[in-house]
Amino acid sequence: MDAWEAIVLGIIQGLTEFLPVSSSGHLELGKAILGDNSVPQESLLFTVVLHFATALSTLVVFRKDVWEILSGLFQFKWNESTRFSLKIVVSMIPAAIAGVFFEEELEALFGGNIVLVGAMLIVTAILLFLADKAKFTNKKVSYSNAFVIGIAQAIAMLPGISRSGATISTSVLLGNDKNKAARFSFLMVVPLIFGKIFKDILSGELSADTTNIMPLALGFIAAFIAGLAACTWMIALVRKAKLKWFAFYCAVVGIIAIIVSLV
């Protein structure tokens, strides 16, 4: 992979991780357009590194929230921070199970299956369109809601299903406040990403030869910078309830991807 290709894909990841249009789906489309012929394992390595970059950008944007949560936890009391953290843990269960038992099957999907990406983008479009019609509420995410949102996050491991789109939409359709839904969605993925990377480092699966270090580094930097901008932008968009425009975008891109792939 060339340096400029890594930068382009990094920007795509950074922008689309927080916008509800599927970062993994757009990465696969981007790789196909750029002619990247990486085997699924190498392709997944690059994807994991870029997700790590956007996880860091999440920590930067939500640094005050993260600090409040950590401060509350270290008080060792049953407070709001403790309850919120427990909900995050509950939401991680479905994706953790899927990652452990279906890791090889998921890896195989990151090899340029454009028809699958297109179909899943259409599913994302439907979710976003339904969420856009939901009424405003002040309801907080409950423990049962957290588990259901976690199931949506697990399904979003498929390329083409937007993780932020699926989790925010599911939360909003469950009747939760849109701002709280966005905050919960962005924070719930951070432990999973760091956990995945820590696991792969220990197992040696994230080892890369020296020829791949520079593209990985450039992609990481590009994804981190783009992620900072996109995360802030997405929070404002959720408040204004303009998710339907992303629904239309996902539907159009999904249909085009399917048609071009089949033709």
Foldseek 3Di string as FASTA:
>chain_A
DDQVLLLVLLLLLLQQLQQQFFSLLVSLVSCVVVVPQDALLVLVLLVLLSVLLLLVLLCVVCVVVVVVLVVVVVVVDPDPSVQLVVLLVLLQVQQVVCCVPVVVVLSNQSRNPLLQLLVLLLVLLVLLVQLLPFDADADAQDSVLSNVLSNQQNVSSHGNRRQLSSSLSSSVVVPHHSLNSNNSSSVSCSVVSVVVVVVCVVVVSSDDDPVCVSSSVSSSVSSNVSNNVNSVVSSVCSVVSPSNVSSVVSNVSSVVSNVVVVD
